[in-house]
Every structure is written in structure tokens, then in C-alpha cells.
């Protein structure tokens, strides 16, 4: 049987509860769940970058479908799809602009 730790269980409950919430609450819950997946991808695939600013730039520049897909990967774990999604978001001009404004100053501190 599939065993989940407490954090994943709480996230799964949050994801399942999305249907009972208004759209603003759904978005907030999905973004928080997606943040977990993005954190793992960023720390594994982009070593040396300032983690928190990078995560913020990725989440802020993701589309709603990307957020939902990353939120679902929080329960099942990082997949090739989640790596591809984060890489695509990082490659967007607006994300690169965000990283230049938010991430690079953190490296200079």
C-alpha cells in the first residue's frame, strides 16, 4: 500500500479539497502545493541559484495549467513532466527578467 508522510498527506488533502473552494482559494492552495515540487526541481536541477527568489519567479510566471500539474506532482513526486514544466517556465522572458531582478541581487549579497 502507498505510504505518505505527514507533509504529503496534508498536501493531498489540500489538493482533494480544491473542488470545495472558491477559485481564489483554489489558486492559493494549488500554488502552495506547486511550490513544493518547484523547490525540489530547482534545488536538484539548478544548483547554486538563490532558491527562494527562483521559486517565486517560477510560481509567479506559471500558467494555471502548469500550477495544477506541478501541484499534482507534489503527491506523486517529481516527474520528467514537472522538470520539463519548470524548465519551460524558467525559459520564459518574463521569468528571466524576474530572475535578473530578484535572483541576481541575492547572489551578490
PDB file of N, CA and C in Angstrom:
ATOM      1  N   UNK A   1       0.843  -1.188   0.000  1.00  0.00           N
ATOM      2  CA  UNK A   1       0.000   0.000   0.000  1.00  0.00           C
ATOM      3  C   UNK A   1       0.879   1.239   0.000  1.00  0.00           C
ATOM      4  N   UNK A   2       0.426   2.270  -0.666  1.00  0.00           N
ATOM      5  CA  UNK A   2       1.150   3.533  -0.758  1.00  0.00           C
ATOM      6  C   UNK A   2       1.183   4.199   0.612  1.00  0.00           C
ATOM      7  N   UNK A   3       2.389   4.560   1.048  1.00  0.00           N
ATOM      8  CA  UNK A   3       2.510   5.249   2.318  1.00  0.00           C
ATOM      9  C   UNK A   3       2.973   6.671   2.063  1.00  0.00           C
ATOM     10  N   UNK A   4       2.327   7.611   2.711  1.00  0.00           N
ATOM     11  CA  UNK A   4       2.662   9.015   2.558  1.00  0.00           C
ATOM     12  C   UNK A   4       3.122   9.574   3.889  1.00  0.00           C
ATOM     13  N   UNK A   5       4.115  10.474   3.852  1.00  0.00           N
ATOM     14  CA  UNK A   5       4.492  11.131   5.086  1.00  0.00           C
ATOM     15  C   UNK A   5       3.443  12.191   5.410  1.00  0.00           C
ATOM     16  N   UNK A   6       3.554  12.801   6.573  1.00  0.00           N
ATOM     17  CA  UNK A   6       2.533  13.749   7.023  1.00  0.00           C
ATOM     18  C   UNK A   6       2.410  14.941   6.088  1.00  0.00           C
ATOM     19  N   UNK A   7       3.535  15.426   5.585  1.00  0.00           N
ATOM     20  CA  UNK A   7       3.513  16.588   4.688  1.00  0.00           C
ATOM     21  C   UNK A   7       2.767  16.252   3.397  1.00  0.00           C
ATOM     22  N   UNK A   8       3.081  15.109   2.793  1.00  0.00           N
ATOM     23  CA  UNK A   8       2.414  14.721   1.556  1.00  0.00           C
ATOM     24  C   UNK A   8       0.938  14.437   1.792  1.00  0.00           C
ATOM     25  N   UNK A   9       0.616  13.876   2.934  1.00  0.00           N
ATOM     26  CA  UNK A   9      -0.781  13.606   3.255  1.00  0.00           C
ATOM     27  C   UNK A   9      -1.557  14.915   3.349  1.00  0.00           C
ATOM     28  N   UNK A  10      -0.972  15.905   4.014  1.00  0.00           N
ATOM     29  CA  UNK A  10      -1.641  17.206   4.146  1.00  0.00           C
ATOM     30  C   UNK A  10      -1.818  17.855   2.774  1.00  0.00           C
ATOM     31  N   UNK A  11      -0.806  17.756   1.924  1.00  0.00           N
ATOM     32  CA  UNK A  11      -0.912  18.324   0.585  1.00  0.00           C
ATOM     33  C   UNK A  11      -1.970  17.596  -0.242  1.00  0.00           C
ATOM     34  N   UNK A  12      -2.027  16.276  -0.110  1.00  0.00           N
ATOM     35  CA  UNK A  12      -3.033  15.504  -0.831  1.00  0.00           C
ATOM     36  C   UNK A  12      -4.429  15.924  -0.405  1.00  0.00           C
ATOM     37  N   UNK A  13      -4.628  16.091   0.877  1.00  0.00           N
ATOM     38  CA  UNK A  13      -5.929  16.539   1.389  1.00  0.00           C
ATOM     39  C   UNK A  13      -6.250  17.915   0.830  1.00  0.00           C
ATOM     40  N   UNK A  14      -5.240  18.798   0.790  1.00  0.00           N
ATOM     41  CA  UNK A  14      -5.439  20.135   0.236  1.00  0.00           C
ATOM     42  C   UNK A  14      -5.819  20.097  -1.228  1.00  0.00           C
ATOM     43  N   UNK A  15      -5.125  19.256  -1.989  1.00  0.00           N
ATOM     44  CA  UNK A  15      -5.425  19.137  -3.421  1.00  0.00           C
ATOM     45  C   UNK A  15      -6.830  18.586  -3.620  1.00  0.00           C
ATOM     46  N   UNK A  16      -7.197  17.581  -2.840  1.00  0.00           N
ATOM     47  CA  UNK A  16      -8.532  16.995  -2.963  1.00  0.00           C
ATOM     48  C   UNK A  16      -9.625  17.973  -2.543  1.00  0.00           C
ATOM     49  N   UNK A  17      -9.289  18.872  -1.626  1.00  0.00           N
ATOM     50  CA  UNK A  17     -10.273  19.843  -1.146  1.00  0.00           C
ATOM     51  C   UNK A  17     -10.479  20.994  -2.122  1.00  0.00           C
ATOM     52  N   UNK A  18      -9.651  21.068  -3.138  1.00  0.00           N
ATOM     53  CA  UNK A  18      -9.754  22.174  -4.091  1.00  0.00           C
ATOM     54  C   UNK A  18     -11.154  22.324  -4.677  1.00  0.00           C
ATOM     55  N   UNK A  19     -11.818  21.225  -4.927  1.00  0.00           N
ATOM     56  CA  UNK A  19     -13.139  21.273  -5.532  1.00  0.00           C
ATOM     57  C   UNK A  19     -14.170  21.973  -4.675  1.00  0.00           C
ATOM     58  N   UNK A  20     -13.953  22.016  -3.379  1.00  0.00           N
ATOM     59  CA  UNK A  20     -14.924  22.609  -2.469  1.00  0.00           C
ATOM     60  C   UNK A  20     -14.659  24.086  -2.208  1.00  0.00           C
ATOM     61  N   UNK A  21     -13.639  24.672  -2.830  1.00  0.00           N
ATOM     62  CA  UNK A  21     -13.238  26.048  -2.548  1.00  0.00           C
ATOM     63  C   UNK A  21     -13.597  26.981  -3.697  1.00  0.00           C
ATOM     64  N   UNK A  22     -13.617  28.289  -3.377  1.00  0.00           N
ATOM     65  CA  UNK A  22     -13.790  29.271  -4.438  1.00  0.00           C
ATOM     66  C   UNK A  22     -12.502  29.338  -5.261  1.00  0.00           C
ATOM     67  N   UNK A  23     -12.554  29.969  -6.414  1.00  0.00           N
ATOM     68  CA  UNK A  23     -11.417  29.940  -7.341  1.00  0.00           C
ATOM     69  C   UNK A  23     -10.177  30.612  -6.763  1.00  0.00           C
ATOM     70  N   UNK A  24     -10.343  31.646  -5.978  1.00  0.00           N
ATOM     71  CA  UNK A  24      -9.191  32.321  -5.368  1.00  0.00           C
ATOM     72  C   UNK A  24      -8.506  31.402  -4.358  1.00  0.00           C
ATOM     73  N   UNK A  25      -9.280  30.701  -3.566  1.00  0.00           N
ATOM     74  CA  UNK A  25      -8.728  29.767  -2.590  1.00  0.00           C
ATOM     75  C   UNK A  25      -8.093  28.581  -3.297  1.00  0.00           C
ATOM     76  N   UNK A  26      -8.733  28.095  -4.367  1.00  0.00           N
ATOM     77  CA  UNK A  26      -8.158  27.003  -5.154  1.00  0.00           C
ATOM     78  C   UNK A  26      -6.790  27.390  -5.695  1.00  0.00           C
ATOM     79  N   UNK A  27      -6.687  28.596  -6.214  1.00  0.00           N
ATOM     80  CA  UNK A  27      -5.419  29.068  -6.768  1.00  0.00           C
ATOM     81  C   UNK A  27      -4.342  29.127  -5.684  1.00  0.00           C
ATOM     82  N   UNK A  28      -4.671  29.646  -4.522  1.00  0.00           N
ATOM     83  CA  UNK A  28      -3.713  29.759  -3.421  1.00  0.00           C
ATOM     84  C   UNK A  28      -3.230  28.385  -2.978  1.00  0.00           C
ATOM     85  N   UNK A  29      -4.145  27.432  -2.829  1.00  0.00           N
ATOM     86  CA  UNK A  29      -3.790  26.078  -2.406  1.00  0.00           C
ATOM     87  C   UNK A  29      -2.932  25.395  -3.472  1.00  0.00           C
ATOM     88  N   UNK A  30      -3.318  25.545  -4.727  1.00  0.00           N
ATOM     89  CA  UNK A  30      -2.554  24.925  -5.816  1.00  0.00           C
ATOM     90  C   UNK A  30      -1.149  25.512  -5.895  1.00  0.00           C
ATOM     91  N   UNK A  31      -1.019  26.820  -5.722  1.00  0.00           N
ATOM     92  CA  UNK A  31       0.301  27.456  -5.760  1.00  0.00           C
ATOM     93  C   UNK A  31       1.187  26.960  -4.615  1.00  0.00           C
ATOM     94  N   UNK A  32       0.615  26.801  -3.446  1.00  0.00           N
ATOM     95  CA  UNK A  32       1.405  26.292  -2.313  1.00  0.00           C
ATOM     96  C   UNK A  32       1.853  24.856  -2.563  1.00  0.00           C
ATOM     97  N   UNK A  33       0.964  24.048  -3.117  1.00  0.00           N
ATOM     98  CA  UNK A  33       1.332  22.666  -3.434  1.00  0.00           C
ATOM     99  C   UNK A  33       2.390  22.633  -4.535  1.00  0.00           C
ATOM    100  N   UNK A  34       2.225  23.462  -5.551  1.00  0.00           N
ATOM    101  CA  UNK A  34       3.191  23.515  -6.656  1.00  0.00           C
ATOM    102  C   UNK A  34       4.551  23.971  -6.156  1.00  0.00           C
ATOM    103  N   UNK A  35       4.582  24.852  -5.172  1.00  0.00           N
ATOM    104  CA  UNK A  35       5.830  25.363  -4.599  1.00  0.00           C
ATOM    105  C   UNK A  35       6.726  24.215  -4.119  1.00  0.00           C
ATOM    106  N   UNK A  36       6.131  23.185  -3.556  1.00  0.00           N
ATOM    107  CA  UNK A  36       6.899  22.031  -3.078  1.00  0.00           C
ATOM    108  C   UNK A  36       7.620  21.334  -4.232  1.00  0.00           C
ATOM    109  N   UNK A  37       6.911  21.112  -5.320  1.00  0.00           N
ATOM    110  CA  UNK A  37       7.515  20.471  -6.497  1.00  0.00           C
ATOM    111  C   UNK A  37       8.583  21.364  -7.097  1.00  0.00           C
ATOM    112  N   UNK A  38       8.272  22.646  -7.245  1.00  0.00           N
ATOM    113  CA  UNK A  38       9.239  23.587  -7.828  1.00  0.00           C
ATOM    114  C   UNK A  38      10.502  23.632  -6.975  1.00  0.00           C
ATOM    115  N   UNK A  39      10.362  23.617  -5.662  1.00  0.00           N
ATOM    116  CA  UNK A  39      11.521  23.633  -4.771  1.00  0.00           C
ATOM    117  C   UNK A  39      12.435  22.452  -5.054  1.00  0.00           C
ATOM    118  N   UNK A  40      11.855  21.276  -5.177  1.00  0.00           N
ATOM    119  CA  UNK A  40      12.671  20.078  -5.438  1.00  0.00           C
ATOM    120  C   UNK A  40      13.350  20.156  -6.799  1.00  0.00           C
ATOM    121  N   UNK A  41      12.643  20.624  -7.812  1.00  0.00           N
ATOM    122  CA  UNK A  41      13.239  20.727  -9.146  1.00  0.00           C
ATOM    123  C   UNK A  41      14.358  21.768  -9.142  1.00  0.00           C
ATOM    124  N   UNK A  42      14.117  22.910  -8.547  1.00  0.00           N
ATOM    125  CA  UNK A  42      15.118  23.982  -8.533  1.00  0.00           C
ATOM    126  C   UNK A  42      16.380  23.534  -7.793  1.00  0.00           C
ATOM    127  N   UNK A  43      16.222  22.926  -6.629  1.00  0.00           N
ATOM    128  CA  UNK A  43      17.409  22.518  -5.870  1.00  0.00           C
ATOM    129  C   UNK A  43      18.171  21.392  -6.554  1.00  0.00           C
ATOM    130  N   UNK A  44      17.467  20.510  -7.271  1.00  0.00           N
ATOM    131  CA  UNK A  44      18.136  19.407  -7.968  1.00  0.00           C
ATOM    132  C   UNK A  44      18.732  19.826  -9.307  1.00  0.00           C
ATOM    133  N   UNK A  45      18.015  20.640 -10.064  1.00  0.00           N
ATOM    134  CA  UNK A  45      18.402  20.939 -11.448  1.00  0.00           C
ATOM    135  C   UNK A  45      19.155  22.253 -11.636  1.00  0.00           C
ATOM    136  N   UNK A  46      19.046  23.148 -10.673  1.00  0.00           N
ATOM    137  CA  UNK A  46      19.683  24.458 -10.798  1.00  0.00           C
ATOM    138  C   UNK A  46      20.521  24.765  -9.558  1.00  0.00           C
ATOM    139  N   UNK A  47      21.532  23.947  -9.303  1.00  0.00           N
ATOM    140  CA  UNK A  47      22.344  24.170  -8.096  1.00  0.00           C
ATOM    141  C   UNK A  47      23.051  25.526  -8.164  1.00  0.00           C
ATOM    142  N   UNK A  48      23.136  26.157  -7.030  1.00  0.00           N
ATOM    143  CA  UNK A  48      23.837  27.436  -6.965  1.00  0.00           C
ATOM    144  C   UNK A  48      22.965  28.656  -7.160  1.00  0.00           C
ATOM    145  N   UNK A  49      21.739  28.470  -7.650  1.00  0.00           N
ATOM    146  CA  UNK A  49      20.865  29.638  -7.790  1.00  0.00           C
ATOM    147  C   UNK A  49      20.216  29.932  -6.437  1.00  0.00           C
ATOM    148  N   UNK A  50      19.885  31.182  -6.186  1.00  0.00           N
ATOM    149  CA  UNK A  50      19.171  31.501  -4.947  1.00  0.00           C
ATOM    150  C   UNK A  50      17.779  30.857  -4.996  1.00  0.00           C
ATOM    151  N   UNK A  51      17.542  29.934  -4.104  1.00  0.00           N
ATOM    152  CA  UNK A  51      16.349  29.084  -4.187  1.00  0.00           C
ATOM    153  C   UNK A  51      15.048  29.878  -4.050  1.00  0.00           C
ATOM    154  N   UNK A  52      14.903  30.633  -2.997  1.00  0.00           N
ATOM    155  CA  UNK A  52      13.622  31.305  -2.739  1.00  0.00           C
ATOM    156  C   UNK A  52      13.239  32.283  -3.853  1.00  0.00           C
ATOM    157  N   UNK A  53      14.149  33.177  -4.295  1.00  0.00           N
ATOM    158  CA  UNK A  53      13.762  34.061  -5.401  1.00  0.00           C
ATOM    159  C   UNK A  53      13.438  33.296  -6.682  1.00  0.00           C
ATOM    160  N   UNK A  54      14.159  32.217  -6.946  1.00  0.00           N
ATOM    161  CA  UNK A  54      13.907  31.435  -8.153  1.00  0.00           C
ATOM    162  C   UNK A  54      12.532  30.780  -8.084  1.00  0.00           C
ATOM    163  N   UNK A  55      12.206  30.198  -6.947  1.00  0.00           N
ATOM    164  CA  UNK A  55      10.891  29.574  -6.773  1.00  0.00           C
ATOM    165  C   UNK A  55       9.792  30.614  -6.969  1.00  0.00           C
ATOM    166  N   UNK A  56       9.955  31.772  -6.366  1.00  0.00           N
ATOM    167  CA  UNK A  56       8.946  32.835  -6.502  1.00  0.00           C
ATOM    168  C   UNK A  56       8.762  33.239  -7.958  1.00  0.00           C
ATOM    169  N   UNK A  57       9.872  33.394  -8.689  1.00  0.00           N
ATOM    170  CA  UNK A  57       9.776  33.779 -10.103  1.00  0.00           C
ATOM    171  C   UNK A  57       9.077  32.693 -10.919  1.00  0.00           C
ATOM    172  N   UNK A  58       9.376  31.432 -10.635  1.00  0.00           N
ATOM    173  CA  UNK A  58       8.740  30.330 -11.365  1.00  0.00           C
ATOM    174  C   UNK A  58       7.240  30.306 -11.077  1.00  0.00           C
ATOM    175  N   UNK A  59       6.867  30.344  -9.819  1.00  0.00           N
ATOM    176  CA  UNK A  59       5.443  30.297  -9.445  1.00  0.00           C
ATOM    177  C   UNK A  59       4.701  31.504 -10.023  1.00  0.00           C
ATOM    178  N   UNK A  60       5.302  32.685  -9.938  1.00  0.00           N
ATOM    179  CA  UNK A  60       4.639  33.897 -10.414  1.00  0.00           C
ATOM    180  C   UNK A  60       4.448  33.920 -11.929  1.00  0.00           C
ATOM    181  N   UNK A  61       5.269  33.164 -12.662  1.00  0.00           N
ATOM    182  CA  UNK A  61       5.199  33.186 -14.123  1.00  0.00           C
ATOM    183  C   UNK A  61       4.621  31.908 -14.726  1.00  0.00           C
ATOM    184  N   UNK A  62       4.124  31.024 -13.889  1.00  0.00           N
ATOM    185  CA  UNK A  62       3.488  29.797 -14.369  1.00  0.00           C
ATOM    186  C   UNK A  62       2.037  30.069 -14.746  1.00  0.00           C
ATOM    187  N   UNK A  63       1.556  29.337 -15.724  1.00  0.00           N
ATOM    188  CA  UNK A  63       0.146  29.421 -16.098  1.00  0.00           C
ATOM    189  C   UNK A  63      -0.671  28.569 -15.118  1.00  0.00           C
ATOM    190  N   UNK A  64      -1.965  28.750 -15.130  1.00  0.00           N
ATOM    191  CA  UNK A  64      -2.836  27.954 -14.252  1.00  0.00           C
ATOM    192  C   UNK A  64      -2.692  26.455 -14.522  1.00  0.00           C
ATOM    193  N   UNK A  65      -2.674  26.000 -15.777  1.00  0.00           N
ATOM    194  CA  UNK A  65      -2.482  24.569 -16.013  1.00  0.00           C
ATOM    195  C   UNK A  65      -1.117  24.067 -15.509  1.00  0.00           C
ATOM    196  N   UNK A  66      -0.091  24.888 -15.647  1.00  0.00           N
ATOM    197  CA  UNK A  66       1.229  24.488 -15.138  1.00  0.00           C
ATOM    198  C   UNK A  66       1.207  24.372 -13.618  1.00  0.00           C
ATOM    199  N   UNK A  67       0.566  25.315 -12.959  1.00  0.00           N
ATOM    200  CA  UNK A  67       0.448  25.268 -11.489  1.00  0.00           C
ATOM    201  C   UNK A  67      -0.274  23.994 -11.067  1.00  0.00           C
ATOM    202  N   UNK A  68      -1.383  23.677 -11.735  1.00  0.00           N
ATOM    203  CA  UNK A  68      -2.139  22.464 -11.376  1.00  0.00           C
ATOM    204  C   UNK A  68      -1.302  21.207 -11.569  1.00  0.00           C
ATOM    205  N   UNK A  69      -0.582  21.126 -12.677  1.00  0.00           N
ATOM    206  CA  UNK A  69       0.248  19.945 -12.938  1.00  0.00           C
ATOM    207  C   UNK A  69       1.345  19.822 -11.889  1.00  0.00           C
ATOM    208  N   UNK A  70       1.984  20.922 -11.536  1.00  0.00           N
ATOM    209  CA  UNK A  70       3.034  20.882 -10.518  1.00  0.00           C
ATOM    210  C   UNK A  70       2.464  20.564  -9.140  1.00  0.00           C
ATOM    211  N   UNK A  71       1.258  21.042  -8.860  1.00  0.00           N
ATOM    212  CA  UNK A  71       0.608  20.745  -7.578  1.00  0.00           C
ATOM    213  C   UNK A  71       0.329  19.246  -7.457  1.00  0.00           C
ATOM    214  N   UNK A  72      -0.125  18.636  -8.540  1.00  0.00           N
ATOM    215  CA  UNK A  72      -0.398  17.195  -8.512  1.00  0.00           C
ATOM    216  C   UNK A  72       0.884  16.390  -8.338  1.00  0.00           C
ATOM    217  N   UNK A  73       1.989  16.889  -8.894  1.00  0.00           N
ATOM    218  CA  UNK A  73       3.266  16.185  -8.749  1.00  0.00           C
ATOM    219  C   UNK A  73       3.796  16.229  -7.326  1.00  0.00           C
ATOM    220  N   UNK A  74       3.261  17.108  -6.497  1.00  0.00           N
ATOM    221  CA  UNK A  74       3.676  17.167  -5.102  1.00  0.00           C
ATOM    222  C   UNK A  74       3.372  15.851  -4.403  1.00  0.00           C
ATOM    223  N   UNK A  75       2.259  15.243  -4.755  1.00  0.00           N
ATOM    224  CA  UNK A  75       1.851  13.990  -4.118  1.00  0.00           C
ATOM    225  C   UNK A  75       2.642  12.811  -4.675  1.00  0.00           C
ATOM    226  N   UNK A  76       2.779  12.738  -5.980  1.00  0.00           N
ATOM    227  CA  UNK A  76       3.437  11.596  -6.607  1.00  0.00           C
ATOM    228  C   UNK A  76       4.944  11.713  -6.703  1.00  0.00           C
ATOM    229  N   UNK A  77       5.457  12.898  -6.497  1.00  0.00           N
ATOM    230  CA  UNK A  77       6.890  13.113  -6.615  1.00  0.00           C
ATOM    231  C   UNK A  77       7.245  13.771  -7.929  1.00  0.00           C
ATOM    232  N   UNK A  78       8.460  14.281  -7.988  1.00  0.00           N
ATOM    233  CA  UNK A  78       8.937  14.965  -9.177  1.00  0.00           C
ATOM    234  C   UNK A  78       9.010  13.975 -10.333  1.00  0.00           C
ATOM    235  N   UNK A  79       8.465  14.392 -11.465  1.00  0.00           N
ATOM    236  CA  UNK A  79       8.468  13.562 -12.670  1.00  0.00           C
ATOM    237  C   UNK A  79       9.227  14.289 -13.776  1.00  0.00           C
ATOM    238  N   UNK A  80       9.467  13.604 -14.867  1.00  0.00           N
ATOM    239  CA  UNK A  80      10.080  14.263 -16.022  1.00  0.00           C
ATOM    240  C   UNK A  80       9.192  15.407 -16.491  1.00  0.00           C
ATOM    241  N   UNK A  81       7.893  15.226 -16.378  1.00  0.00           N
ATOM    242  CA  UNK A  81       6.956  16.278 -16.770  1.00  0.00           C
ATOM    243  C   UNK A  81       7.135  17.521 -15.898  1.00  0.00           C
ATOM    244  N   UNK A  82       7.287  17.339 -14.593  1.00  0.00           N
ATOM    245  CA  UNK A  82       7.455  18.502 -13.713  1.00  0.00           C
ATOM    246  C   UNK A  82       8.779  19.203 -13.992  1.00  0.00           C
ATOM    247  N   UNK A  83       9.820  18.442 -14.309  1.00  0.00           N
ATOM    248  CA  UNK A  83      11.111  19.044 -14.663  1.00  0.00           C
ATOM    249  C   UNK A  83      10.960  19.856 -15.949  1.00  0.00           C
ATOM    250  N   UNK A  84      10.256  19.297 -16.919  1.00  0.00           N
ATOM    251  CA  UNK A  84      10.033  19.988 -18.193  1.00  0.00           C
ATOM    252  C   UNK A  84       9.217  21.267 -17.990  1.00  0.00           C
ATOM    253  N   UNK A  85       8.190  21.193 -17.156  1.00  0.00           N
ATOM    254  CA  UNK A  85       7.350  22.361 -16.897  1.00  0.00           C
ATOM    255  C   UNK A  85       8.177  23.477 -16.263  1.00  0.00           C
ATOM    256  N   UNK A  86       8.952  23.146 -15.230  1.00  0.00           N
ATOM    257  CA  UNK A  86       9.762  24.167 -14.559  1.00  0.00           C
ATOM    258  C   UNK A  86      10.793  24.747 -15.522  1.00  0.00           C
ATOM    259  N   UNK A  87      11.429  23.890 -16.314  1.00  0.00           N
ATOM    260  CA  UNK A  87      12.414  24.358 -17.288  1.00  0.00           C
ATOM    261  C   UNK A  87      11.777  25.301 -18.303  1.00  0.00           C
ATOM    262  N   UNK A  88      10.571  24.970 -18.758  1.00  0.00           N
ATOM    263  CA  UNK A  88       9.854  25.845 -19.696  1.00  0.00           C
ATOM    264  C   UNK A  88       9.521  27.198 -19.064  1.00  0.00           C
ATOM    265  N   UNK A  89       9.108  27.173 -17.808  1.00  0.00           N
ATOM    266  CA  UNK A  89       8.778  28.425 -17.112  1.00  0.00           C
ATOM    267  C   UNK A  89      10.035  29.273 -16.933  1.00  0.00           C
ATOM    268  N   UNK A  90      11.138  28.640 -16.552  1.00  0.00           N
ATOM    269  CA  UNK A  90      12.399  29.364 -16.357  1.00  0.00           C
ATOM    270  C   UNK A  90      12.864  29.999 -17.662  1.00  0.00           C
ATOM    271  N   UNK A  91      12.554  29.377 -18.780  1.00  0.00           N
ATOM    272  CA  UNK A  91      12.991  29.873 -20.092  1.00  0.00           C
ATOM    273  C   UNK A  91      12.160  31.048 -20.617  1.00  0.00           C
ATOM    274  N   UNK A  92      11.021  31.323 -20.006  1.00  0.00           N
ATOM    275  CA  UNK A  92      10.167  32.419 -20.467  1.00  0.00           C
ATOM    276  C   UNK A  92      10.854  33.759 -20.218  1.00  0.00           C
ATOM    277  N   UNK A  93      10.736  34.691 -21.162  1.00  0.00           N
ATOM    278  CA  UNK A  93      11.370  36.009 -20.987  1.00  0.00           C
ATOM    279  C   UNK A  93      10.984  36.705 -19.678  1.00  0.00           C
ATOM    280  N   UNK A  94       9.714  36.619 -19.311  1.00  0.00           N
ATOM    281  CA  UNK A  94       9.282  37.292 -18.082  1.00  0.00           C
ATOM    282  C   UNK A  94       9.888  36.645 -16.831  1.00  0.00           C
ATOM    283  N   UNK A  95      10.132  35.330 -16.875  1.00  0.00           N
ATOM    284  CA  UNK A  95      10.782  34.659 -15.752  1.00  0.00           C
ATOM    285  C   UNK A  95      12.248  35.065 -15.692  1.00  0.00           C
ATOM    286  N   UNK A  96      12.906  35.133 -16.842  1.00  0.00           N
ATOM    287  CA  UNK A  96      14.309  35.554 -16.885  1.00  0.00           C
ATOM    288  C   UNK A  96      14.465  36.984 -16.366  1.00  0.00           C
ATOM    289  N   UNK A  97      13.510  37.846 -16.713  1.00  0.00           N
ATOM    290  CA  UNK A  97      13.528  39.213 -16.196  1.00  0.00           C
ATOM    291  C   UNK A  97      13.376  39.214 -14.682  1.00  0.00           C
ATOM    292  N   UNK A  98      12.460  38.413 -14.186  1.00  0.00           N
ATOM    293  CA  UNK A  98      12.248  38.283 -12.744  1.00  0.00           C
ATOM    294  C   UNK A  98      13.513  37.777 -12.055  1.00  0.00           C
ATOM    295  N   UNK A  99      14.134  36.758 -12.632  1.00  0.00           N
ATOM    296  CA  UNK A  99      15.356  36.197 -12.051  1.00  0.00           C
ATOM    297  C   UNK A  99      16.484  37.230 -12.038  1.00  0.00           C
ATOM    298  N   UNK A 100      16.572  38.029 -13.089  1.00  0.00           N
ATOM    299  CA  UNK A 100      17.603  39.070 -13.140  1.00  0.00           C
ATOM    300  C   UNK A 100      17.373  40.114 -12.054  1.00  0.00           C
ATOM    301  N   UNK A 101      16.110  40.440 -11.813  1.00  0.00           N
ATOM    302  CA  UNK A 101      15.782  41.455 -10.818  1.00  0.00           C
ATOM    303  C   UNK A 101      15.815  40.925  -9.394  1.00  0.00           C
ATOM    304  N   UNK A 102      15.370  39.680  -9.202  1.00  0.00           N
ATOM    305  CA  UNK A 102      15.221  39.125  -7.852  1.00  0.00           C
ATOM    306  C   UNK A 102      16.335  38.144  -7.467  1.00  0.00           C
ATOM    307  N   UNK A 103      16.762  37.331  -8.430  1.00  0.00           N
ATOM    308  CA  UNK A 103      17.738  36.283  -8.116  1.00  0.00           C
ATOM    309  C   UNK A 103      19.167  36.743  -8.090  1.00  0.00           C
ATOM    310  N   UNK A 104      19.555  37.555  -9.065  1.00  0.00           N
ATOM    311  CA  UNK A 104      20.941  38.005  -9.124  1.00  0.00           C
ATOM    312  C   UNK A 104      21.343  38.862  -7.932  1.00  0.00           C
ATOM    313  N   UNK A 105      20.496  39.799  -7.476  1.00  0.00           N
ATOM    314  CA  UNK A 105      20.891  40.552  -6.283  1.00  0.00           C
ATOM    315  C   UNK A 105      21.136  39.658  -5.070  1.00  0.00           C
ATOM    316  N   UNK A 106      20.405  38.565  -4.969  1.00  0.00           N
ATOM    317  CA  UNK A 106      20.605  37.639  -3.840  1.00  0.00           C
ATOM    318  C   UNK A 106      21.976  36.975  -3.929  1.00  0.00           C
ATOM    319  N   UNK A 107      22.474  36.754  -5.132  1.00  0.00           N
ATOM    320  CA  UNK A 107      23.807  36.171  -5.304  1.00  0.00           C
ATOM    321  C   UNK A 107      24.907  37.148  -4.912  1.00  0.00           C
ATOM    322  N   UNK A 108      24.617  38.424  -5.037  1.00  0.00           N
ATOM    323  CA  UNK A 108      25.620  39.446  -4.756  1.00  0.00           C
ATOM    324  C   UNK A 108      25.744  39.799  -3.296  1.00  0.00           C
ATOM    325  N   UNK A 109      24.806  39.348  -2.479  1.00  0.00           N
ATOM    326  CA  UNK A 109      24.846  39.668  -1.034  1.00  0.00           C
ATOM    327  C   UNK A 109      25.949  38.935  -0.325  1.00  0.00           C
TER     328      UNK A 109
END
